[in-house]
Amino acid sequence: MKARITSVEADRVNAVLHRHVGAAFVISRDNLAEQAGLSDRKVRQAVHELIVNRGVPVASSPSGGYFICSTQAELEEAVHFIESYRDEHAQRARCLREAFARLAAEQLYLAV
C-alpha cells in the first residue's frame, strides 16, 4: 500500500520551495529532500500534492530540480516538459502493444 503524504510533509516541501522562486533558483530533488527531511518518493508526492490540490505552480526542470514558476514563460516551459513526457509515454505504450501483438502473432503462427 502506498503511503500518503501528510499535510505536514507537504508544508515542509512548500516552505523549501518558496525559497526557490524562478528557474534561476532551481533546487535539485536530492537537496529538496534533504532540506525537507523527506525521502525522494515523499518529495515527489508532496510536489504532486502542491500542484494538484493546493494550486502551487511548482515546475520541474530537465535536470531533476524544482522551482516555483515566476513568469508565464517558465510556466509554459514547465508545461511543455510535462507534455513531452506524456507524449513519450504514449508512444512507448503504443510500441509496447504493437511489439506484443507481433510476438503473439508469431507464436500463434509457430503453434500451427
Protein backbone atom coordinates (compact mmCIF):
# COMPACT_ATOMS: atom_id res chain seq x y z
CA MET A 1 0.00 0.00 0.00
CA LYS A 2 1.34 3.41 -0.98
CA ALA A 3 1.93 5.70 1.99
CA ARG A 4 0.21 9.03 1.51
CA ILE A 5 1.93 12.33 2.02
CA THR A 6 0.88 14.15 5.17
CA SER A 7 -0.08 17.79 5.30
CA VAL A 8 2.97 18.49 7.46
CA GLU A 9 5.28 16.84 4.91
CA ALA A 10 3.75 18.83 2.05
CA ASP A 11 4.11 22.00 4.14
CA ARG A 12 7.82 21.29 4.63
CA VAL A 13 8.39 20.88 0.89
CA ASN A 14 6.32 24.00 0.22
CA ALA A 15 8.42 26.02 2.67
CA VAL A 16 11.66 24.96 1.00
CA LEU A 17 10.29 25.59 -2.49
CA HIS A 18 9.21 29.12 -1.57
CA ARG A 19 12.91 29.92 -1.23
CA HIS A 20 13.32 28.78 -4.87
CA VAL A 21 11.10 31.05 -6.91
CA GLY A 22 12.08 31.31 -10.56
CA ALA A 23 14.04 28.98 -12.83
CA ALA A 24 17.30 30.65 -11.85
CA PHE A 25 16.81 29.31 -8.33
CA VAL A 26 16.08 25.65 -9.13
CA ILE A 27 16.78 23.19 -6.30
CA SER A 28 17.75 19.60 -7.02
CA ARG A 29 15.38 16.90 -5.84
CA ASP A 30 18.14 15.49 -3.62
CA ASN A 31 18.69 18.87 -1.95
CA LEU A 32 14.95 19.44 -1.61
CA ALA A 33 14.58 16.03 0.05
CA GLU A 34 17.48 16.76 2.39
CA GLN A 35 16.22 20.21 3.36
CA ALA A 36 12.66 18.95 3.88
CA GLY A 37 13.87 15.85 5.73
CA LEU A 38 11.96 13.51 3.41
CA SER A 39 12.65 10.64 1.05
CA ASP A 40 12.78 11.15 -2.70
CA ARG A 41 9.39 9.43 -3.06
CA LYS A 42 7.82 11.68 -0.41
CA VAL A 43 9.17 14.78 -2.18
CA ARG A 44 7.58 13.65 -5.46
CA GLN A 45 4.30 13.01 -3.65
CA ALA A 46 4.47 16.40 -1.95
CA VAL A 47 5.14 18.17 -5.26
CA HIS A 48 2.10 16.41 -6.73
CA GLU A 49 0.02 17.48 -3.72
CA LEU A 50 1.21 21.08 -4.01
CA ILE A 51 0.38 21.32 -7.72
CA VAL A 52 -2.84 19.31 -7.89
CA ASN A 53 -4.51 20.04 -4.56
CA ARG A 54 -3.00 23.32 -3.39
CA GLY A 55 -2.52 25.18 -6.65
CA VAL A 56 1.18 25.93 -6.20
CA PRO A 57 2.86 26.38 -9.61
CA VAL A 58 5.80 24.04 -8.98
CA ALA A 59 7.85 23.31 -12.08
CA SER A 60 10.30 20.52 -12.61
CA SER A 61 13.37 21.02 -14.71
CA PRO A 62 15.02 18.53 -17.08
CA SER A 63 17.99 18.48 -14.71
CA GLY A 64 15.82 16.94 -11.99
CA GLY A 65 15.19 20.01 -9.90
CA TYR A 66 12.18 22.04 -8.82
CA PHE A 67 11.23 25.68 -8.54
CA ILE A 68 8.12 27.80 -8.30
CA CYS A 69 7.24 29.47 -11.59
CA SER A 70 7.58 33.21 -11.50
CA THR A 71 6.83 34.06 -15.14
CA GLN A 72 4.46 32.91 -17.87
CA ALA A 73 7.47 31.73 -19.89
CA GLU A 74 8.61 29.48 -17.02
CA LEU A 75 5.10 28.10 -16.71
CA GLU A 76 4.89 27.37 -20.44
CA GLU A 77 8.28 25.66 -20.42
CA ALA A 78 7.25 23.54 -17.43
CA VAL A 79 4.00 22.51 -19.12
CA HIS A 80 5.88 21.68 -22.32
CA PHE A 81 8.29 19.50 -20.31
CA ILE A 82 5.38 17.59 -18.73
CA GLU A 83 3.59 17.20 -22.05
CA SER A 84 6.73 15.86 -23.73
CA TYR A 85 6.87 13.09 -21.12
CA ARG A 86 3.19 12.37 -21.72
CA ASP A 87 3.81 12.08 -25.46
CA GLU A 88 6.89 9.89 -24.98
CA HIS A 89 4.98 7.56 -22.66
CA ALA A 90 2.04 7.35 -25.07
CA GLN A 91 4.40 6.43 -27.91
CA ARG A 92 6.12 3.84 -25.73
CA ALA A 93 2.75 2.32 -24.77
CA ARG A 94 1.71 2.09 -28.45
CA CYS A 95 5.01 0.44 -29.37
CA LEU A 96 4.72 -2.00 -26.48
CA ARG A 97 1.24 -3.04 -27.64
CA GLU A 98 2.48 -3.43 -31.23
CA ALA A 99 5.51 -5.47 -30.13
CA PHE A 100 3.31 -7.77 -28.07
CA ALA A 101 0.83 -8.20 -30.94
CA ARG A 102 3.68 -9.14 -33.31
CA LEU A 103 5.09 -11.60 -30.79
CA ALA A 104 1.67 -13.13 -30.16
CA ALA A 105 1.06 -13.45 -33.91
CA GLU A 106 4.45 -15.14 -34.39
CA GLN A 107 3.76 -17.57 -31.56
CA LEU A 108 0.33 -18.37 -32.98
CA TYR A 109 1.91 -18.97 -36.41
CA LEU A 110 4.57 -21.25 -34.91
CA ALA A 111 1.96 -23.20 -32.94
CA VAL A 112 0.07 -24.14 -36.10
